[in-house]
């Protein structure tokens, strides 16, 4: 299962200039710790892994968003495309029109 941060406007996306990145964590505590001052009004949102793979990855690929894998408190982490993430975990998906 995965965790993301969300607020009243939706999931928190980090703007890295050319990339919009959705930070994800494998642990709720890590997600909540990352909130800090900038995202203090956000909350950790639990996502079932199967839902993430079947719904979120295709949607993110279609929208052009990337994933930030477990960024640390300095904001450092691995950024991958949804397609790269899917390949890394041995999953294939197709974009629906």
PDB file of N, CA and C in Angstrom:
ATOM      1  N   UNK A   1       0.831  -1.187   0.000  1.00  0.00           N
ATOM      2  CA  UNK A   1       0.000   0.000   0.000  1.00  0.00           C
ATOM      3  C   UNK A   1       0.874   1.247   0.000  1.00  0.00           C
ATOM      4  N   UNK A   2       0.300   2.340  -0.457  1.00  0.00           N
ATOM      5  CA  UNK A   2       1.037   3.590  -0.587  1.00  0.00           C
ATOM      6  C   UNK A   2       0.326   4.722   0.131  1.00  0.00           C
ATOM      7  N   UNK A   3       1.069   5.787   0.361  1.00  0.00           N
ATOM      8  CA  UNK A   3       0.541   6.989   1.000  1.00  0.00           C
ATOM      9  C   UNK A   3       0.955   8.207   0.192  1.00  0.00           C
ATOM     10  N   UNK A   4       0.021   9.132   0.018  1.00  0.00           N
ATOM     11  CA  UNK A   4       0.291  10.429  -0.592  1.00  0.00           C
ATOM     12  C   UNK A   4      -0.235  11.494   0.361  1.00  0.00           C
ATOM     13  N   UNK A   5       0.094  12.731   0.091  1.00  0.00           N
ATOM     14  CA  UNK A   5      -0.463  13.831   0.875  1.00  0.00           C
ATOM     15  C   UNK A   5      -1.561  14.506   0.075  1.00  0.00           C
ATOM     16  N   UNK A   6      -2.629  14.911   0.780  1.00  0.00           N
ATOM     17  CA  UNK A   6      -3.708  15.626   0.098  1.00  0.00           C
ATOM     18  C   UNK A   6      -4.258  16.700   1.022  1.00  0.00           C
ATOM     19  N   UNK A   7      -4.894  17.695   0.397  1.00  0.00           N
ATOM     20  CA  UNK A   7      -5.588  18.741   1.149  1.00  0.00           C
ATOM     21  C   UNK A   7      -6.923  18.992   0.467  1.00  0.00           C
ATOM     22  N   UNK A   8      -7.575  20.108   0.788  1.00  0.00           N
ATOM     23  CA  UNK A   8      -8.906  20.368   0.226  1.00  0.00           C
ATOM     24  C   UNK A   8      -8.879  20.552  -1.290  1.00  0.00           C
ATOM     25  N   UNK A   9      -7.708  20.820  -1.860  1.00  0.00           N
ATOM     26  CA  UNK A   9      -7.589  20.998  -3.306  1.00  0.00           C
ATOM     27  C   UNK A   9      -7.223  19.715  -4.041  1.00  0.00           C
ATOM     28  N   UNK A  10      -6.954  18.646  -3.315  1.00  0.00           N
ATOM     29  CA  UNK A  10      -6.573  17.382  -3.935  1.00  0.00           C
ATOM     30  C   UNK A  10      -5.198  16.933  -3.479  1.00  0.00           C
ATOM     31  N   UNK A  11      -4.606  16.040  -4.231  1.00  0.00           N
ATOM     32  CA  UNK A  11      -3.288  15.512  -3.870  1.00  0.00           C
ATOM     33  C   UNK A  11      -2.212  16.568  -4.075  1.00  0.00           C
ATOM     34  N   UNK A  12      -1.220  16.527  -3.204  1.00  0.00           N
ATOM     35  CA  UNK A  12      -0.106  17.466  -3.267  1.00  0.00           C
ATOM     36  C   UNK A  12       0.819  17.068  -4.413  1.00  0.00           C
ATOM     37  N   UNK A  13       1.022  17.996  -5.338  1.00  0.00           N
ATOM     38  CA  UNK A  13       1.981  17.825  -6.420  1.00  0.00           C
ATOM     39  C   UNK A  13       3.095  18.838  -6.218  1.00  0.00           C
ATOM     40  N   UNK A  14       4.312  18.410  -6.413  1.00  0.00           N
ATOM     41  CA  UNK A  14       5.464  19.289  -6.283  1.00  0.00           C
ATOM     42  C   UNK A  14       5.886  19.722  -7.679  1.00  0.00           C
ATOM     43  N   UNK A  15       6.011  21.028  -7.875  1.00  0.00           N
ATOM     44  CA  UNK A  15       6.412  21.581  -9.167  1.00  0.00           C
ATOM     45  C   UNK A  15       7.929  21.682  -9.219  1.00  0.00           C
ATOM     46  N   UNK A  16       8.539  20.889 -10.077  1.00  0.00           N
ATOM     47  CA  UNK A  16       9.993  20.910 -10.236  1.00  0.00           C
ATOM     48  C   UNK A  16      10.393  21.609 -11.531  1.00  0.00           C
ATOM     49  N   UNK A  17       9.614  22.595 -11.936  1.00  0.00           N
ATOM     50  CA  UNK A  17       9.894  23.295 -13.183  1.00  0.00           C
ATOM     51  C   UNK A  17       9.272  22.572 -14.350  1.00  0.00           C
ATOM     52  N   UNK A  18      10.040  21.694 -14.974  1.00  0.00           N
ATOM     53  CA  UNK A  18       9.508  20.945 -16.121  1.00  0.00           C
ATOM     54  C   UNK A  18       8.671  19.744 -15.705  1.00  0.00           C
ATOM     55  N   UNK A  19       8.758  19.339 -14.457  1.00  0.00           N
ATOM     56  CA  UNK A  19       8.029  18.165 -13.978  1.00  0.00           C
ATOM     57  C   UNK A  19       7.069  18.513 -12.849  1.00  0.00           C
ATOM     58  N   UNK A  20       5.901  17.886 -12.884  1.00  0.00           N
ATOM     59  CA  UNK A  20       4.975  17.901 -11.754  1.00  0.00           C
ATOM     60  C   UNK A  20       5.062  16.508 -11.146  1.00  0.00           C
ATOM     61  N   UNK A  21       5.357  16.460  -9.843  1.00  0.00           N
ATOM     62  CA  UNK A  21       5.677  15.189  -9.198  1.00  0.00           C
ATOM     63  C   UNK A  21       4.735  14.921  -8.031  1.00  0.00           C
ATOM     64  N   UNK A  22       4.196  13.712  -7.984  1.00  0.00           N
ATOM     65  CA  UNK A  22       3.390  13.248  -6.863  1.00  0.00           C
ATOM     66  C   UNK A  22       4.301  12.460  -5.928  1.00  0.00           C
ATOM     67  N   UNK A  23       4.603  13.008  -4.735  1.00  0.00           N
ATOM     68  CA  UNK A  23       5.404  12.242  -3.782  1.00  0.00           C
ATOM     69  C   UNK A  23       4.595  11.066  -3.231  1.00  0.00           C
ATOM     70  N   UNK A  24       5.212   9.901  -3.151  1.00  0.00           N
ATOM     71  CA  UNK A  24       4.565   8.719  -2.575  1.00  0.00           C
ATOM     72  C   UNK A  24       5.490   8.098  -1.537  1.00  0.00           C
ATOM     73  N   UNK A  25       4.874   7.479  -0.535  1.00  0.00           N
ATOM     74  CA  UNK A  25       5.626   6.802   0.529  1.00  0.00           C
ATOM     75  C   UNK A  25       4.993   5.445   0.801  1.00  0.00           C
ATOM     76  N   UNK A  26       5.775   4.548   1.374  1.00  0.00           N
ATOM     77  CA  UNK A  26       5.277   3.223   1.757  1.00  0.00           C
ATOM     78  C   UNK A  26       4.784   3.214   3.198  1.00  0.00           C
ATOM     79  N   UNK A  27       4.866   4.372   3.877  1.00  0.00           N
ATOM     80  CA  UNK A  27       4.555   4.425   5.299  1.00  0.00           C
ATOM     81  C   UNK A  27       3.834   5.736   5.633  1.00  0.00           C
ATOM     82  N   UNK A  28       2.748   5.652   6.376  1.00  0.00           N
ATOM     83  CA  UNK A  28       1.967   6.837   6.743  1.00  0.00           C
ATOM     84  C   UNK A  28       2.784   7.820   7.577  1.00  0.00           C
ATOM     85  N   UNK A  29       3.587   7.319   8.491  1.00  0.00           N
ATOM     86  CA  UNK A  29       4.394   8.191   9.346  1.00  0.00           C
ATOM     87  C   UNK A  29       5.381   9.006   8.518  1.00  0.00           C
ATOM     88  N   UNK A  30       6.012   8.386   7.538  1.00  0.00           N
ATOM     89  CA  UNK A  30       6.942   9.109   6.671  1.00  0.00           C
ATOM     90  C   UNK A  30       6.220  10.201   5.888  1.00  0.00           C
ATOM     91  N   UNK A  31       5.047   9.882   5.375  1.00  0.00           N
ATOM     92  CA  UNK A  31       4.271  10.883   4.637  1.00  0.00           C
ATOM     93  C   UNK A  31       3.918  12.059   5.538  1.00  0.00           C
ATOM     94  N   UNK A  32       3.434  11.775   6.728  1.00  0.00           N
ATOM     95  CA  UNK A  32       3.056  12.851   7.652  1.00  0.00           C
ATOM     96  C   UNK A  32       4.261  13.666   8.109  1.00  0.00           C
ATOM     97  N   UNK A  33       5.398  13.036   8.284  1.00  0.00           N
ATOM     98  CA  UNK A  33       6.610  13.746   8.689  1.00  0.00           C
ATOM     99  C   UNK A  33       7.038  14.736   7.612  1.00  0.00           C
ATOM    100  N   UNK A  34       6.833  14.397   6.360  1.00  0.00           N
ATOM    101  CA  UNK A  34       7.259  15.225   5.230  1.00  0.00           C
ATOM    102  C   UNK A  34       6.429  16.498   5.086  1.00  0.00           C
ATOM    103  N   UNK A  35       5.257  16.526   5.707  1.00  0.00           N
ATOM    104  CA  UNK A  35       4.357  17.674   5.556  1.00  0.00           C
ATOM    105  C   UNK A  35       5.032  18.991   5.903  1.00  0.00           C
ATOM    106  N   UNK A  36       5.737  19.038   7.025  1.00  0.00           N
ATOM    107  CA  UNK A  36       6.444  20.251   7.427  1.00  0.00           C
ATOM    108  C   UNK A  36       5.552  21.476   7.425  1.00  0.00           C
ATOM    109  N   UNK A  37       6.140  22.652   7.293  1.00  0.00           N
ATOM    110  CA  UNK A  37       5.377  23.898   7.296  1.00  0.00           C
ATOM    111  C   UNK A  37       4.650  24.144   5.978  1.00  0.00           C
ATOM    112  N   UNK A  38       5.283  23.781   4.880  1.00  0.00           N
ATOM    113  CA  UNK A  38       4.711  24.087   3.570  1.00  0.00           C
ATOM    114  C   UNK A  38       3.398  23.346   3.309  1.00  0.00           C
ATOM    115  N   UNK A  39       3.281  22.152   3.817  1.00  0.00           N
ATOM    116  CA  UNK A  39       2.086  21.337   3.581  1.00  0.00           C
ATOM    117  C   UNK A  39       1.397  20.966   4.886  1.00  0.00           C
ATOM    118  N   UNK A  40       1.482  21.830   5.893  1.00  0.00           N
ATOM    119  CA  UNK A  40       0.973  21.502   7.228  1.00  0.00           C
ATOM    120  C   UNK A  40      -0.526  21.234   7.258  1.00  0.00           C
ATOM    121  N   UNK A  41      -1.281  21.763   6.295  1.00  0.00           N
ATOM    122  CA  UNK A  41      -2.729  21.530   6.271  1.00  0.00           C
ATOM    123  C   UNK A  41      -3.099  20.251   5.525  1.00  0.00           C
ATOM    124  N   UNK A  42      -2.110  19.577   4.992  1.00  0.00           N
ATOM    125  CA  UNK A  42      -2.382  18.336   4.264  1.00  0.00           C
ATOM    126  C   UNK A  42      -2.449  17.159   5.230  1.00  0.00           C
ATOM    127  N   UNK A  43      -2.976  16.059   4.717  1.00  0.00           N
ATOM    128  CA  UNK A  43      -3.071  14.817   5.487  1.00  0.00           C
ATOM    129  C   UNK A  43      -2.602  13.666   4.614  1.00  0.00           C
ATOM    130  N   UNK A  44      -2.155  12.616   5.259  1.00  0.00           N
ATOM    131  CA  UNK A  44      -1.763  11.419   4.521  1.00  0.00           C
ATOM    132  C   UNK A  44      -3.015  10.692   4.039  1.00  0.00           C
ATOM    133  N   UNK A  45      -2.978  10.262   2.797  1.00  0.00           N
ATOM    134  CA  UNK A  45      -4.086   9.529   2.186  1.00  0.00           C
ATOM    135  C   UNK A  45      -3.590   8.137   1.812  1.00  0.00           C
ATOM    136  N   UNK A  46      -4.281   7.121   2.301  1.00  0.00           N
ATOM    137  CA  UNK A  46      -3.936   5.727   2.025  1.00  0.00           C
ATOM    138  C   UNK A  46      -4.492   5.325   0.662  1.00  0.00           C
ATOM    139  N   UNK A  47      -3.667   4.667  -0.143  1.00  0.00           N
ATOM    140  CA  UNK A  47      -4.099   4.158  -1.446  1.00  0.00           C
ATOM    141  C   UNK A  47      -3.712   2.686  -1.518  1.00  0.00           C
ATOM    142  N   UNK A  48      -4.689   1.842  -1.809  1.00  0.00           N
ATOM    143  CA  UNK A  48      -4.380   0.422  -2.008  1.00  0.00           C
ATOM    144  C   UNK A  48      -3.473   0.287  -3.227  1.00  0.00           C
ATOM    145  N   UNK A  49      -2.500  -0.590  -3.117  1.00  0.00           N
ATOM    146  CA  UNK A  49      -1.528  -0.738  -4.193  1.00  0.00           C
ATOM    147  C   UNK A  49      -2.194  -1.124  -5.513  1.00  0.00           C
ATOM    148  N   UNK A  50      -3.175  -2.015  -5.467  1.00  0.00           N
ATOM    149  CA  UNK A  50      -3.849  -2.416  -6.708  1.00  0.00           C
ATOM    150  C   UNK A  50      -4.572  -1.233  -7.340  1.00  0.00           C
ATOM    151  N   UNK A  51      -5.210  -0.386  -6.540  1.00  0.00           N
ATOM    152  CA  UNK A  51      -5.864   0.816  -7.076  1.00  0.00           C
ATOM    153  C   UNK A  51      -4.836   1.755  -7.693  1.00  0.00           C
ATOM    154  N   UNK A  52      -3.694   1.881  -7.032  1.00  0.00           N
ATOM    155  CA  UNK A  52      -2.649   2.764  -7.538  1.00  0.00           C
ATOM    156  C   UNK A  52      -2.171   2.290  -8.909  1.00  0.00           C
ATOM    157  N   UNK A  53      -1.936   0.996  -9.024  1.00  0.00           N
ATOM    158  CA  UNK A  53      -1.445   0.432 -10.283  1.00  0.00           C
ATOM    159  C   UNK A  53      -2.512   0.500 -11.375  1.00  0.00           C
ATOM    160  N   UNK A  54      -3.745   0.143 -11.049  1.00  0.00           N
ATOM    161  CA  UNK A  54      -4.795   0.054 -12.059  1.00  0.00           C
ATOM    162  C   UNK A  54      -5.397   1.400 -12.447  1.00  0.00           C
ATOM    163  N   UNK A  55      -5.465   2.343 -11.513  1.00  0.00           N
ATOM    164  CA  UNK A  55      -6.148   3.613 -11.777  1.00  0.00           C
ATOM    165  C   UNK A  55      -5.203   4.810 -11.802  1.00  0.00           C
ATOM    166  N   UNK A  56      -4.373   4.909 -10.782  1.00  0.00           N
ATOM    167  CA  UNK A  56      -3.535   6.097 -10.644  1.00  0.00           C
ATOM    168  C   UNK A  56      -2.436   6.164 -11.700  1.00  0.00           C
ATOM    169  N   UNK A  57      -1.704   5.076 -11.908  1.00  0.00           N
ATOM    170  CA  UNK A  57      -0.597   5.108 -12.868  1.00  0.00           C
ATOM    171  C   UNK A  57      -1.056   5.490 -14.272  1.00  0.00           C
ATOM    172  N   UNK A  58      -2.112   4.862 -14.813  1.00  0.00           N
ATOM    173  CA  UNK A  58      -2.562   5.285 -16.140  1.00  0.00           C
ATOM    174  C   UNK A  58      -3.018   6.752 -16.163  1.00  0.00           C
ATOM    175  N   UNK A  59      -3.705   7.184 -15.116  1.00  0.00           N
ATOM    176  CA  UNK A  59      -4.157   8.575 -15.048  1.00  0.00           C
ATOM    177  C   UNK A  59      -3.000   9.553 -14.987  1.00  0.00           C
ATOM    178  N   UNK A  60      -1.984   9.216 -14.214  1.00  0.00           N
ATOM    179  CA  UNK A  60      -0.811  10.085 -14.109  1.00  0.00           C
ATOM    180  C   UNK A  60      -0.046  10.137 -15.427  1.00  0.00           C
ATOM    181  N   UNK A  61       0.063   9.001 -16.099  1.00  0.00           N
ATOM    182  CA  UNK A  61       0.743   8.979 -17.393  1.00  0.00           C
ATOM    183  C   UNK A  61      -0.009   9.852 -18.391  1.00  0.00           C
ATOM    184  N   UNK A  62      -1.318   9.746 -18.395  1.00  0.00           N
ATOM    185  CA  UNK A  62      -2.147  10.546 -19.305  1.00  0.00           C
ATOM    186  C   UNK A  62      -2.006  12.038 -19.015  1.00  0.00           C
ATOM    187  N   UNK A  63      -1.911  12.399 -17.727  1.00  0.00           N
ATOM    188  CA  UNK A  63      -1.819  13.805 -17.327  1.00  0.00           C
ATOM    189  C   UNK A  63      -0.386  14.340 -17.346  1.00  0.00           C
ATOM    190  N   UNK A  64       0.587  13.478 -17.563  1.00  0.00           N
ATOM    191  CA  UNK A  64       1.979  13.912 -17.637  1.00  0.00           C
ATOM    192  C   UNK A  64       2.650  14.150 -16.297  1.00  0.00           C
ATOM    193  N   UNK A  65       2.153  13.513 -15.237  1.00  0.00           N
ATOM    194  CA  UNK A  65       2.752  13.652 -13.908  1.00  0.00           C
ATOM    195  C   UNK A  65       3.761  12.534 -13.667  1.00  0.00           C
ATOM    196  N   UNK A  66       4.752  12.822 -12.838  1.00  0.00           N
ATOM    197  CA  UNK A  66       5.746  11.829 -12.440  1.00  0.00           C
ATOM    198  C   UNK A  66       5.570  11.471 -10.976  1.00  0.00           C
ATOM    199  N   UNK A  67       6.316  10.474 -10.534  1.00  0.00           N
ATOM    200  CA  UNK A  67       6.287  10.024  -9.141  1.00  0.00           C
ATOM    201  C   UNK A  67       7.588  10.391  -8.449  1.00  0.00           C
ATOM    202  N   UNK A  68       7.465  10.845  -7.211  1.00  0.00           N
ATOM    203  CA  UNK A  68       8.626  11.065  -6.359  1.00  0.00           C
ATOM    204  C   UNK A  68       8.635   9.960  -5.316  1.00  0.00           C
ATOM    205  N   UNK A  69       9.586   9.068  -5.418  1.00  0.00           N
ATOM    206  CA  UNK A  69       9.612   7.895  -4.552  1.00  0.00           C
ATOM    207  C   UNK A  69      10.221   8.250  -3.196  1.00  0.00           C
ATOM    208  N   UNK A  70       9.391   8.212  -2.164  1.00  0.00           N
ATOM    209  CA  UNK A  70       9.790   8.416  -0.767  1.00  0.00           C
ATOM    210  C   UNK A  70      10.813   9.536  -0.574  1.00  0.00           C
ATOM    211  N   UNK A  71      10.456  10.773  -0.949  1.00  0.00           N
ATOM    212  CA  UNK A  71      11.416  11.862  -0.737  1.00  0.00           C
ATOM    213  C   UNK A  71      11.746  12.043   0.744  1.00  0.00           C
ATOM    214  N   UNK A  72      12.992  12.430   1.012  1.00  0.00           N
ATOM    215  CA  UNK A  72      13.394  12.670   2.398  1.00  0.00           C
ATOM    216  C   UNK A  72      12.978  14.082   2.815  1.00  0.00           C
ATOM    217  N   UNK A  73      13.314  14.478   4.023  1.00  0.00           N
ATOM    218  CA  UNK A  73      12.885  15.777   4.531  1.00  0.00           C
ATOM    219  C   UNK A  73      13.508  16.938   3.775  1.00  0.00           C
ATOM    220  N   UNK A  74      14.611  16.713   3.086  1.00  0.00           N
ATOM    221  CA  UNK A  74      15.231  17.748   2.265  1.00  0.00           C
ATOM    222  C   UNK A  74      14.590  17.811   0.882  1.00  0.00           C
ATOM    223  N   UNK A  75      13.614  16.926   0.628  1.00  0.00           N
ATOM    224  CA  UNK A  75      12.938  16.898  -0.664  1.00  0.00           C
ATOM    225  C   UNK A  75      13.653  16.078  -1.710  1.00  0.00           C
ATOM    226  N   UNK A  76      14.677  15.355  -1.308  1.00  0.00           N
ATOM    227  CA  UNK A  76      15.434  14.542  -2.246  1.00  0.00           C
ATOM    228  C   UNK A  76      14.801  13.162  -2.375  1.00  0.00           C
ATOM    229  N   UNK A  77      14.683  12.721  -3.598  1.00  0.00           N
ATOM    230  CA  UNK A  77      14.124  11.407  -3.851  1.00  0.00           C
ATOM    231  C   UNK A  77      14.298  11.050  -5.311  1.00  0.00           C
ATOM    232  N   UNK A  78      13.911   9.878  -5.661  1.00  0.00           N
ATOM    233  CA  UNK A  78      14.001   9.417  -7.041  1.00  0.00           C
ATOM    234  C   UNK A  78      12.716   9.806  -7.758  1.00  0.00           C
ATOM    235  N   UNK A  79      12.856  10.455  -8.911  1.00  0.00           N
ATOM    236  CA  UNK A  79      11.704  10.840  -9.718  1.00  0.00           C
ATOM    237  C   UNK A  79      11.653   9.917 -10.928  1.00  0.00           C
ATOM    238  N   UNK A  80      10.498   9.274 -11.119  1.00  0.00           N
ATOM    239  CA  UNK A  80      10.306   8.374 -12.254  1.00  0.00           C
ATOM    240  C   UNK A  80       8.952   8.646 -12.889  1.00  0.00           C
ATOM    241  N   UNK A  81       8.842   8.281 -14.141  1.00  0.00           N
ATOM    242  CA  UNK A  81       7.549   8.375 -14.818  1.00  0.00           C
ATOM    243  C   UNK A  81       6.669   7.211 -14.361  1.00  0.00           C
ATOM    244  N   UNK A  82       5.356   7.323 -14.549  1.00  0.00           N
ATOM    245  CA  UNK A  82       4.483   6.188 -14.221  1.00  0.00           C
ATOM    246  C   UNK A  82       4.867   4.924 -14.995  1.00  0.00           C
ATOM    247  N   UNK A  83       5.297   5.109 -16.245  1.00  0.00           N
ATOM    248  CA  UNK A  83       5.695   3.962 -17.057  1.00  0.00           C
ATOM    249  C   UNK A  83       6.941   3.284 -16.483  1.00  0.00           C
ATOM    250  N   UNK A  84       7.914   4.090 -16.040  1.00  0.00           N
ATOM    251  CA  UNK A  84       9.129   3.526 -15.433  1.00  0.00           C
ATOM    252  C   UNK A  84       8.803   2.788 -14.141  1.00  0.00           C
ATOM    253  N   UNK A  85       7.937   3.389 -13.322  1.00  0.00           N
ATOM    254  CA  UNK A  85       7.538   2.755 -12.067  1.00  0.00           C
ATOM    255  C   UNK A  85       6.868   1.415 -12.346  1.00  0.00           C
ATOM    256  N   UNK A  86       5.944   1.403 -13.315  1.00  0.00           N
ATOM    257  CA  UNK A  86       5.244   0.166 -13.664  1.00  0.00           C
ATOM    258  C   UNK A  86       6.236  -0.902 -14.130  1.00  0.00           C
ATOM    259  N   UNK A  87       7.187  -0.508 -14.967  1.00  0.00           N
ATOM    260  CA  UNK A  87       8.187  -1.465 -15.450  1.00  0.00           C
ATOM    261  C   UNK A  87       9.036  -1.999 -14.297  1.00  0.00           C
ATOM    262  N   UNK A  88       9.381  -1.123 -13.358  1.00  0.00           N
ATOM    263  CA  UNK A  88      10.202  -1.539 -12.214  1.00  0.00           C
ATOM    264  C   UNK A  88       9.505  -2.574 -11.335  1.00  0.00           C
ATOM    265  N   UNK A  89       8.178  -2.498 -11.259  1.00  0.00           N
ATOM    266  CA  UNK A  89       7.443  -3.463 -10.429  1.00  0.00           C
ATOM    267  C   UNK A  89       6.849  -4.601 -11.260  1.00  0.00           C
ATOM    268  N   UNK A  90       7.173  -4.617 -12.566  1.00  0.00           N
ATOM    269  CA  UNK A  90       6.741  -5.710 -13.428  1.00  0.00           C
ATOM    270  C   UNK A  90       5.281  -5.661 -13.825  1.00  0.00           C
ATOM    271  N   UNK A  91       4.747  -4.440 -13.989  1.00  0.00           N
ATOM    272  CA  UNK A  91       3.339  -4.266 -14.346  1.00  0.00           C
ATOM    273  C   UNK A  91       3.253  -3.521 -15.674  1.00  0.00           C
ATOM    274  N   UNK A  92       2.266  -3.884 -16.474  1.00  0.00           N
ATOM    275  CA  UNK A  92       2.010  -3.158 -17.722  1.00  0.00           C
ATOM    276  C   UNK A  92       0.637  -2.529 -17.640  1.00  0.00           C
ATOM    277  N   UNK A  93       0.498  -1.371 -18.249  1.00  0.00           N
ATOM    278  CA  UNK A  93      -0.817  -0.753 -18.342  1.00  0.00           C
ATOM    279  C   UNK A  93      -0.944  -0.049 -19.681  1.00  0.00           C
ATOM    280  N   UNK A  94      -2.193   0.136 -20.093  1.00  0.00           N
ATOM    281  CA  UNK A  94      -2.466   0.847 -21.333  1.00  0.00           C
ATOM    282  C   UNK A  94      -3.262   2.089 -21.011  1.00  0.00           C
ATOM    283  N   UNK A  95      -2.969   3.149 -21.746  1.00  0.00           N
ATOM    284  CA  UNK A  95      -3.720   4.383 -21.571  1.00  0.00           C
ATOM    285  C   UNK A  95      -5.026   4.274 -22.330  1.00  0.00           C
ATOM    286  N   UNK A  96      -6.129   4.581 -21.655  1.00  0.00           N
ATOM    287  CA  UNK A  96      -7.421   4.583 -22.335  1.00  0.00           C
ATOM    288  C   UNK A  96      -7.667   5.967 -22.896  1.00  0.00           C
ATOM    289  N   UNK A  97      -8.376   6.016 -23.976  1.00  0.00           N
ATOM    290  CA  UNK A  97      -8.682   7.308 -24.619  1.00  0.00           C
ATOM    291  C   UNK A  97      -9.807   8.000 -23.912  1.00  0.00           C
TER     292      UNK A  97
END
